[in-house]
Protein backbone atom coordinates (compact mmCIF):
# COMPACT_ATOMS: atom_id res chain seq x y z
CA MET A 1 -180.22 -27.74 39.73
CA ARG A 2 -180.36 -27.98 35.94
CA ALA A 3 -179.76 -31.09 33.85
CA VAL A 4 -176.60 -30.63 31.80
CA ALA A 5 -176.07 -32.69 28.64
CA SER A 6 -174.44 -32.41 25.24
CA TYR A 7 -175.44 -34.49 22.24
CA GLY A 8 -173.14 -33.04 19.57
CA LEU A 9 -175.85 -30.97 17.92
CA ARG A 10 -173.36 -29.00 15.83
CA SER A 11 -171.67 -31.99 14.20
CA PRO A 12 -172.19 -33.02 10.55
CA ALA A 13 -172.70 -36.62 11.74
CA PHE A 14 -175.65 -35.49 13.85
CA HIS A 15 -177.27 -33.61 10.98
CA ALA A 16 -176.88 -36.61 8.66
CA ASP A 17 -179.31 -38.56 10.87
CA PRO A 18 -180.57 -36.63 13.91
CA ALA A 19 -183.52 -38.89 14.75
CA PRO A 20 -181.74 -41.52 16.91
CA VAL A 21 -179.77 -38.91 18.86
CA LEU A 22 -182.82 -36.78 19.50
CA ALA A 23 -184.94 -39.80 20.49
CA GLN A 24 -182.37 -40.70 23.14
CA ALA A 25 -182.12 -37.10 24.31
CA ARG A 26 -185.91 -36.80 24.48
CA ARG A 27 -186.01 -39.90 26.71
CA ASP A 28 -183.03 -39.06 28.92
CA ALA A 29 -182.96 -35.26 29.13
CA PRO A 30 -186.00 -33.70 27.41
CA VAL A 31 -185.21 -30.32 28.98
CA HIS A 32 -181.50 -29.76 29.43
CA TRP A 33 -178.72 -27.18 29.34
CA ASP A 34 -176.25 -27.71 26.48
CA PRO A 35 -172.87 -26.22 27.49
CA GLU A 36 -171.55 -26.40 23.91
CA LEU A 37 -174.36 -24.16 22.66
CA GLY A 38 -174.79 -22.20 25.87
CA THR A 39 -178.56 -22.70 25.72
CA TRP A 40 -181.41 -24.76 27.03
CA VAL A 41 -182.78 -27.42 24.68
CA LEU A 42 -186.44 -28.47 24.55
CA LEU A 43 -187.34 -31.72 22.78
CA ARG A 44 -190.92 -32.74 23.64
CA TRP A 45 -194.00 -31.59 21.74
CA ASP A 46 -195.79 -30.19 24.79
CA ASP A 47 -192.74 -28.24 26.01
CA VAL A 48 -191.88 -26.84 22.57
CA ALA A 49 -195.48 -25.90 21.70
CA ALA A 50 -195.92 -24.23 25.10
CA ALA A 51 -192.71 -22.22 24.68
CA LEU A 52 -193.76 -21.03 21.21
CA ARG A 53 -197.06 -19.76 22.65
CA ASP A 54 -195.67 -18.27 25.87
CA PRO A 55 -195.05 -14.49 25.71
CA ARG A 56 -192.37 -14.93 28.38
CA PHE A 57 -190.21 -16.55 25.69
CA SER A 58 -189.06 -13.78 23.38
CA VAL A 59 -187.76 -14.10 19.81
CA ASP A 60 -185.35 -11.25 20.58
CA ARG A 61 -181.99 -12.96 20.91
CA GLY A 62 -180.67 -10.50 23.44
CA GLY A 63 -178.57 -8.37 21.15
CA SER A 64 -176.77 -10.99 19.06
CA ILE A 65 -178.10 -13.22 16.30
CA SER A 66 -175.49 -15.90 17.06
CA GLY A 67 -172.79 -16.97 19.44
CA LEU A 68 -169.31 -15.94 18.32
CA GLY A 69 -166.36 -18.28 17.96
CA ASP A 70 -163.81 -15.67 16.84
CA PRO A 71 -163.52 -12.20 18.46
CA ALA A 72 -162.00 -10.86 15.22
CA ALA A 73 -165.50 -10.90 13.69
CA ALA A 74 -167.20 -9.12 16.61
CA ALA A 75 -167.86 -5.83 14.78
CA GLU A 76 -169.31 -7.59 11.74
CA LEU A 77 -171.57 -9.77 13.91
CA ALA A 78 -172.72 -6.71 15.85
CA TRP A 79 -173.74 -4.94 12.62
CA CYS A 80 -175.58 -8.02 11.34
CA SER A 81 -177.37 -8.39 14.66
CA GLU A 82 -178.38 -4.74 14.73
CA GLN A 83 -179.99 -5.13 11.31
CA VAL A 84 -181.74 -8.51 11.49
CA LEU A 85 -182.96 -8.29 15.06
CA ARG A 86 -185.34 -5.56 13.84
CA TRP A 87 -186.90 -7.96 11.32
CA MET A 88 -190.41 -9.25 11.94
CA VAL A 89 -189.28 -12.81 12.68
CA PHE A 90 -186.98 -11.56 15.46
CA SER A 91 -189.45 -9.04 16.91
CA ASP A 92 -191.98 -9.31 19.72
CA PRO A 93 -195.23 -7.36 19.95
CA PRO A 94 -195.94 -4.54 19.39
CA ARG A 95 -193.29 -4.32 16.62
CA HIS A 96 -194.10 -7.81 15.36
CA THR A 97 -197.82 -7.03 15.27
CA ARG A 98 -197.27 -3.83 13.30
CA LEU A 99 -194.89 -5.39 10.76
CA ARG A 100 -197.03 -8.47 10.20
CA ALA A 101 -200.18 -6.39 9.76
CA ALA A 102 -198.47 -4.46 6.95
CA VAL A 103 -198.23 -7.56 4.73
CA HIS A 104 -200.62 -10.12 6.20
CA ARG A 105 -203.41 -9.65 3.66
CA TYR A 106 -201.06 -10.49 0.79
CA PHE A 107 -200.42 -13.93 2.29
CA ALA A 108 -203.88 -14.85 3.52
CA SER A 109 -205.33 -18.05 2.06
CA THR A 110 -207.83 -16.07 -0.03
CA ALA A 111 -205.06 -14.00 -1.61
CA ILE A 112 -202.87 -17.04 -2.27
CA GLY A 113 -205.78 -18.79 -3.94
CA GLY A 114 -205.47 -16.29 -6.75
CA LEU A 115 -201.84 -17.31 -7.23
CA ARG A 116 -202.58 -21.01 -7.82
CA ALA A 117 -202.73 -20.56 -11.57
CA VAL A 118 -199.48 -18.57 -11.53
CA VAL A 119 -197.73 -21.28 -9.49
CA ALA A 120 -199.05 -24.01 -11.80
CA ARG A 121 -197.75 -22.15 -14.86
CA VAL A 122 -194.33 -21.58 -13.28
CA VAL A 123 -194.03 -25.24 -12.27
CA ALA A 124 -195.03 -26.34 -15.78
CA ASP A 125 -192.46 -24.02 -17.36
CA VAL A 126 -189.65 -25.13 -15.03
CA MET A 127 -190.46 -28.82 -15.53
CA ALA A 128 -190.55 -28.33 -19.31
CA GLU A 129 -186.92 -27.22 -19.12
CA VAL A 130 -185.78 -30.46 -17.47
CA VAL A 131 -188.21 -33.24 -18.39
CA GLY A 132 -186.53 -34.15 -21.69
CA ARG A 133 -183.11 -34.54 -20.07
CA GLY A 134 -184.00 -37.59 -18.03
CA ARG A 135 -182.12 -36.21 -15.04
CA CYS A 136 -181.76 -33.08 -12.93
CA ASP A 137 -180.76 -31.78 -9.53
CA VAL A 138 -184.12 -31.28 -7.84
CA ILE A 139 -182.75 -28.52 -5.60
CA ALA A 140 -180.97 -26.41 -8.22
CA ASP A 141 -183.27 -27.11 -11.17
CA VAL A 142 -186.74 -27.18 -9.61
CA ALA A 143 -187.03 -26.44 -5.88
CA VAL A 144 -185.02 -23.20 -6.04
CA PRO A 145 -186.30 -21.76 -9.36
CA VAL A 146 -190.05 -22.18 -8.73
CA PRO A 147 -190.33 -20.19 -5.46
CA ALA A 148 -187.69 -17.77 -6.77
CA ILE A 149 -189.76 -16.94 -9.84
CA VAL A 150 -193.04 -16.69 -7.92
CA THR A 151 -191.49 -14.48 -5.23
CA ALA A 152 -189.72 -12.28 -7.79
CA ARG A 153 -193.05 -11.71 -9.53
CA MET A 154 -194.77 -10.85 -6.25
CA LEU A 155 -192.03 -8.36 -5.37
CA GLY A 156 -191.56 -7.09 -8.90
CA LEU A 157 -187.87 -8.09 -9.03
CA PRO A 158 -185.92 -9.11 -12.15
CA LEU A 159 -185.58 -12.89 -12.49
CA ALA A 160 -181.93 -12.31 -13.36
CA ASP A 161 -181.33 -11.32 -9.72
CA ALA A 162 -182.53 -14.65 -8.32
CA ALA A 163 -179.04 -16.14 -7.96
CA LEU A 164 -177.87 -13.15 -5.91
CA LEU A 165 -180.88 -13.35 -3.62
CA LYS A 166 -180.31 -17.07 -3.09
CA GLN A 167 -176.65 -16.57 -2.15
CA TRP A 168 -177.49 -13.83 0.32
CA THR A 169 -180.15 -16.00 1.92
CA ALA A 170 -177.84 -19.00 2.19
CA ASP A 171 -175.12 -16.91 3.86
CA LEU A 172 -177.57 -15.43 6.35
CA PHE A 173 -179.06 -18.78 7.34
CA ALA A 174 -175.58 -20.20 7.79
CA LEU A 175 -175.15 -17.53 10.48
CA PHE A 176 -178.63 -17.93 11.98
CA GLY A 177 -178.18 -21.69 12.34
CA ALA A 178 -174.53 -21.85 13.39
CA GLY A 179 -175.14 -21.76 17.12
CA VAL A 180 -171.58 -20.51 17.56
CA ALA A 181 -170.32 -18.86 14.37
CA GLY A 182 -166.75 -18.67 13.16
CA ALA A 183 -165.24 -15.65 11.41
CA GLU A 184 -165.77 -17.06 7.91
CA VAL A 185 -169.51 -17.55 8.46
CA VAL A 186 -169.90 -14.12 10.06
CA THR A 187 -167.97 -12.33 7.31
CA ALA A 188 -169.95 -14.02 4.52
CA ALA A 189 -173.24 -13.08 6.21
CA TYR A 190 -172.03 -9.51 6.80
CA ARG A 191 -171.13 -9.01 3.14
CA SER A 192 -174.37 -10.56 1.93
CA LEU A 193 -176.50 -8.54 4.33
CA ARG A 194 -174.75 -5.34 3.21
CA ASP A 195 -175.40 -6.23 -0.42
CA CYS A 196 -179.00 -7.19 0.32
CA HIS A 197 -179.61 -3.93 2.18
CA ASP A 198 -178.13 -1.86 -0.66
CA TYR A 199 -180.11 -3.83 -3.26
CA PHE A 200 -183.50 -3.30 -1.64
CA THR A 201 -182.66 0.34 -0.91
CA ARG A 202 -182.27 0.84 -4.67
CA VAL A 203 -185.48 -1.10 -5.36
CA LEU A 204 -187.46 1.05 -2.89
CA ASP A 205 -186.06 4.25 -4.40
CA GLU A 206 -187.07 3.05 -7.88
CA ARG A 207 -190.61 2.18 -6.69
CA ARG A 208 -191.02 5.63 -5.20
CA ARG A 209 -190.35 7.07 -8.64
CA HIS A 210 -192.27 4.41 -10.55
CA PRO A 211 -194.76 2.49 -8.38
CA GLY A 212 -196.10 -0.75 -9.79
CA ASP A 213 -198.55 -3.53 -9.03
CA ASP A 214 -196.20 -5.45 -6.75
CA LEU A 215 -195.57 -6.05 -3.07
CA VAL A 216 -192.58 -3.69 -2.81
CA SER A 217 -194.75 -0.84 -4.10
CA ALA A 218 -197.44 -1.84 -1.59
CA LEU A 219 -194.89 -1.45 1.22
CA LEU A 220 -194.78 2.26 0.42
CA ALA A 221 -198.53 2.82 0.70
CA GLY A 222 -201.53 2.12 2.90
CA GLU A 223 -200.83 0.63 6.32
CA ALA A 224 -197.19 0.13 5.35
CA ALA A 225 -196.63 3.84 4.69
CA ALA A 226 -195.71 4.30 8.36
CA LEU A 227 -192.83 1.82 8.12
CA ASP A 228 -189.25 3.00 7.77
CA ASP A 229 -187.03 1.67 4.99
CA ASP A 230 -185.07 -0.65 7.28
CA GLU A 231 -188.37 -2.28 8.24
CA ARG A 232 -189.40 -2.55 4.58
CA ILE A 233 -186.05 -4.08 3.67
CA GLY A 234 -186.40 -6.54 6.53
CA LEU A 235 -189.83 -7.62 5.28
CA CYS A 236 -188.53 -8.08 1.73
CA ALA A 237 -185.55 -10.10 2.96
CA THR A 238 -187.82 -12.22 5.19
CA LEU A 239 -190.14 -13.03 2.27
CA VAL A 240 -187.22 -13.96 0.02
CA ALA A 241 -185.66 -16.12 2.74
CA GLY A 242 -188.93 -17.97 3.33
CA ALA A 243 -189.25 -18.71 -0.37
CA TYR A 244 -185.72 -20.00 -0.77
CA GLU A 245 -185.32 -21.89 2.47
CA THR A 246 -188.72 -23.16 3.64
CA THR A 247 -190.27 -23.97 0.26
CA THR A 248 -187.11 -25.26 -1.38
CA HIS A 249 -186.21 -27.60 1.44
CA VAL A 250 -189.64 -29.07 2.15
CA VAL A 251 -189.69 -30.15 -1.51
CA GLY A 252 -186.16 -31.56 -1.41
CA ASN A 253 -186.62 -33.28 1.95
CA GLY A 254 -190.07 -34.52 0.98
CA LEU A 255 -188.99 -36.03 -2.33
CA TRP A 256 -185.97 -37.67 -0.69
CA ALA A 257 -188.33 -39.18 1.90
CA LEU A 258 -190.52 -40.55 -0.90
CA LEU A 259 -187.52 -42.01 -2.73
CA ARG A 260 -186.41 -43.75 0.48
CA HIS A 261 -189.93 -45.11 0.94
CA PRO A 262 -190.91 -46.46 -2.49
CA GLU A 263 -194.21 -47.83 -1.20
CA GLN A 264 -195.18 -44.29 -0.18
CA LEU A 265 -194.07 -42.91 -3.55
CA ALA A 266 -196.19 -45.54 -5.29
CA ARG A 267 -199.19 -44.66 -3.15
CA VAL A 268 -198.94 -40.93 -3.99
CA ARG A 269 -198.80 -41.88 -7.66
CA ARG A 270 -201.88 -44.08 -7.31
CA GLU A 271 -203.75 -41.51 -5.24
CA PRO A 272 -202.82 -38.00 -6.41
CA ALA A 273 -205.24 -36.51 -3.88
CA LEU A 274 -202.67 -37.47 -1.21
CA GLY A 275 -200.25 -34.83 -2.50
CA ALA A 276 -201.24 -32.20 0.04
CA ASN A 277 -201.13 -34.73 2.88
CA ALA A 278 -197.68 -35.86 1.72
CA VAL A 279 -196.41 -32.29 2.01
CA GLU A 280 -197.75 -32.02 5.57
CA GLU A 281 -196.10 -35.33 6.44
CA ALA A 282 -192.83 -34.03 4.98
CA PHE A 283 -193.09 -30.98 7.25
CA ARG A 284 -193.64 -33.28 10.23
CA TRP A 285 -191.15 -36.05 9.43
CA ASP A 286 -188.23 -34.03 8.03
CA GLY A 287 -189.27 -30.40 7.87
CA PRO A 288 -187.06 -27.51 6.78
CA ALA A 289 -187.37 -25.64 10.10
CA PHE A 290 -185.11 -27.67 12.39
CA SER A 291 -185.30 -25.43 15.45
CA VAL A 292 -186.18 -21.93 16.59
CA VAL A 293 -184.53 -19.88 19.31
CA ARG A 294 -186.25 -18.12 22.17
CA ARG A 295 -184.99 -16.14 25.18
CA ALA A 296 -186.65 -16.12 28.58
CA THR A 297 -187.67 -12.63 29.71
CA GLU A 298 -188.30 -13.88 33.26
CA ASP A 299 -187.78 -17.11 35.17
CA VAL A 300 -189.98 -19.78 33.58
CA ALA A 301 -190.70 -23.26 34.95
CA THR A 302 -191.05 -25.78 32.12
CA GLY A 303 -190.63 -29.52 31.82
CA GLY A 304 -189.43 -29.87 35.38
CA ALA A 305 -186.70 -27.24 35.03
CA THR A 306 -186.52 -23.51 35.72
CA ILE A 307 -185.16 -21.46 32.84
CA ALA A 308 -183.68 -18.23 34.17
CA ALA A 309 -184.44 -14.80 32.79
CA GLY A 310 -182.03 -14.04 29.96
CA ASP A 311 -181.31 -17.69 29.11
CA ARG A 312 -181.63 -18.80 25.50
CA VAL A 313 -183.71 -21.81 24.53
CA TYR A 314 -183.45 -24.00 21.43
CA CYS A 315 -186.90 -25.36 20.62
CA LEU A 316 -186.13 -28.43 18.49
CA LEU A 317 -189.10 -28.66 16.13
CA TYR A 318 -187.69 -31.79 14.51
CA ALA A 319 -187.68 -33.63 17.84
CA ALA A 320 -191.11 -32.35 18.86
CA ASN A 321 -192.62 -33.48 15.56
CA ARG A 322 -191.39 -37.02 16.26
CA ASP A 323 -192.49 -37.16 19.87
CA PRO A 324 -194.22 -40.54 20.49
CA ALA A 325 -196.36 -38.82 23.09
CA ARG A 326 -197.87 -36.76 20.27
CA HIS A 327 -197.87 -39.09 17.23
CA ASP A 328 -198.27 -42.83 16.84
CA ALA A 329 -195.25 -44.42 15.12
CA PRO A 330 -193.62 -40.98 14.78
CA ASP A 331 -190.54 -42.26 12.95
CA ALA A 332 -192.66 -43.81 10.19
CA PHE A 333 -193.11 -41.72 7.04
CA ASP A 334 -196.78 -42.14 6.11
CA VAL A 335 -198.31 -39.99 3.35
CA ALA A 336 -201.80 -41.11 4.43
CA ARG A 337 -201.28 -40.30 8.12
CA ALA A 338 -204.61 -39.14 9.53
CA ASP A 339 -203.13 -36.60 11.94
CA THR A 340 -200.37 -34.63 10.25
CA ARG A 341 -200.39 -31.68 12.65
CA HIS A 342 -196.86 -30.43 13.12
CA LEU A 343 -194.75 -27.51 14.30
CA GLY A 344 -192.79 -27.35 11.05
CA LEU A 345 -194.22 -23.95 10.14
CA GLY A 346 -194.02 -22.59 13.65
CA HIS A 347 -196.74 -22.03 16.21
CA GLY A 348 -198.42 -19.10 17.92
CA ILE A 349 -198.02 -15.52 16.74
CA HIS A 350 -194.89 -16.40 14.75
CA PHE A 351 -196.60 -19.05 12.62
CA CYS A 352 -195.06 -18.80 9.14
CA LEU A 353 -196.50 -15.82 7.28
CA GLY A 354 -196.02 -17.51 3.90
CA ALA A 355 -197.41 -20.93 4.94
CA ALA A 356 -200.30 -20.92 2.46
CA LEU A 357 -198.06 -20.00 -0.47
CA THR A 358 -195.40 -22.53 0.55
CA ARG A 359 -198.02 -25.28 0.63
CA VAL A 360 -199.37 -24.40 -2.81
CA GLU A 361 -195.89 -24.34 -4.33
CA ALA A 362 -194.70 -27.50 -2.58
CA VAL A 363 -197.75 -29.55 -3.59
CA ALA A 364 -197.46 -28.42 -7.20
CA MET A 365 -193.75 -29.28 -7.38
CA LEU A 366 -194.04 -32.66 -5.67
CA GLU A 367 -196.97 -33.66 -7.86
CA ALA A 368 -194.97 -32.82 -10.99
CA LEU A 369 -191.87 -34.65 -9.76
CA VAL A 370 -193.55 -37.87 -8.60
CA ALA A 371 -195.30 -38.12 -11.96
CA LEU A 372 -191.94 -38.62 -13.71
CA PRO A 373 -191.72 -42.29 -14.82
CA ASP A 374 -189.18 -44.55 -13.08
CA LEU A 375 -188.04 -41.70 -10.85
CA ALA A 376 -184.97 -42.64 -8.80
CA LEU A 377 -181.99 -41.15 -7.02
CA ASP A 378 -179.13 -40.52 -9.46
CA GLY A 379 -176.40 -42.08 -7.36
CA GLU A 380 -173.86 -41.84 -10.15
CA ALA A 381 -174.19 -38.05 -10.31
CA LEU A 382 -174.18 -37.73 -6.54
CA GLY A 383 -171.37 -40.13 -5.67
CA GLY A 384 -173.20 -41.29 -2.55
CA GLU A 385 -176.26 -40.26 -0.57
CA PRO A 386 -177.65 -36.71 -0.36
CA GLN A 387 -176.00 -34.57 2.31
CA TYR A 388 -177.79 -32.26 4.73
CA ALA A 389 -176.26 -28.91 5.62
CA ALA A 390 -175.04 -28.79 9.22
CA ASN A 391 -177.39 -26.05 10.37
CA LEU A 392 -179.50 -25.80 13.50
CA ALA A 393 -182.04 -23.42 11.95
CA ILE A 394 -182.73 -24.95 8.54
CA ARG A 395 -182.66 -28.62 7.56
CA GLY A 396 -182.12 -29.07 3.87
CA LEU A 397 -180.24 -31.01 1.25
CA GLU A 398 -177.38 -29.43 -0.62
CA ARG A 399 -178.13 -31.48 -3.76
CA LEU A 400 -180.69 -34.08 -4.83
CA PRO A 401 -179.84 -35.48 -8.28
CA VAL A 402 -182.54 -37.75 -9.73
CA ARG A 403 -183.13 -39.56 -13.02
CA TRP A 404 -186.18 -40.89 -14.84
CA ALA A 405 -187.25 -42.42 -18.12
CA ALA A 406 -187.13 -39.35 -20.37
CA GLY A 407 -189.15 -40.99 -23.13
CA GLY A 408 -191.94 -41.96 -20.77
């Protein structure tokens, strides 16, 4: 007998403030079947962490990247699923092991250390563009451009293409996080994935003719020489998506948390060494990875329930990171928290490949932003409070306008 419950996880109201709903669900039904999503939902730290480590829970979504709310889009969803389910993030070993090995050394902490100066220069250049204005949209003007420029340089892509890459990524994550996708979401993702595939096909062809000192060229040599082009394109798209979604949104969510907790903002200003800890707390308290999906490959007993082979599972990272059984005062945002361990970058073999780079970029951006004098939310420009996208995969703000004393 399985516990059945529905907490409205697809509603905009839920995404505006998920903490109270998830706290109740974690108390009342920490492992339950959600009939609206057609999946199991895990909410406790121990259950989520165990599922992310357990090889019986596959990242392969069983043939479809999303549920479908409109049969008219079935062919488009099938094509999208065929493409993305071969990507590293949706692959189990041995495919996952082979794909990750092809690029792992470029994202190891030692390799990223050499990029610190590059990141610092990019952040300085981006901030120089906005600092004299006295106001900006943190998302559009800082948190998107910085990782876009750094990633474009790593891949050897023209900076002029950044807007296209961002749009493709946004459309794909709208599909990945829909739970049950309507025709409009599926069609937008289909068109963007087609464009993305064609774009990186042209880039790979150009690198074969004119190899350079960039990551795309590296995907054609060495260990990566055995990959096929679909696998190379999937790796490129994965790296771009991580830059735009994970890095962008931990900065936006983290700065919004600081603005809502002025005593924490003041402390980071007084103690700049807390910048890295503040980023980890942002990942824990309101991280960009809201949930990840797994599928049971055999019957698995977890949290007092038995998840049947073939069933999907939503592992709610947001809820696990605020589990009072794991963290003291989990709903408090504390930049000096001694234990900031979190699941916001994943866990197990699918731990975020770009975690080290994301951390370097996020710390550099937050340090530059909190140093702005009299920094505050620009409510006039926003017309209210920042809004989170209603997405079960990625938690992020659509806009975050701020203002400061430009002459300071």
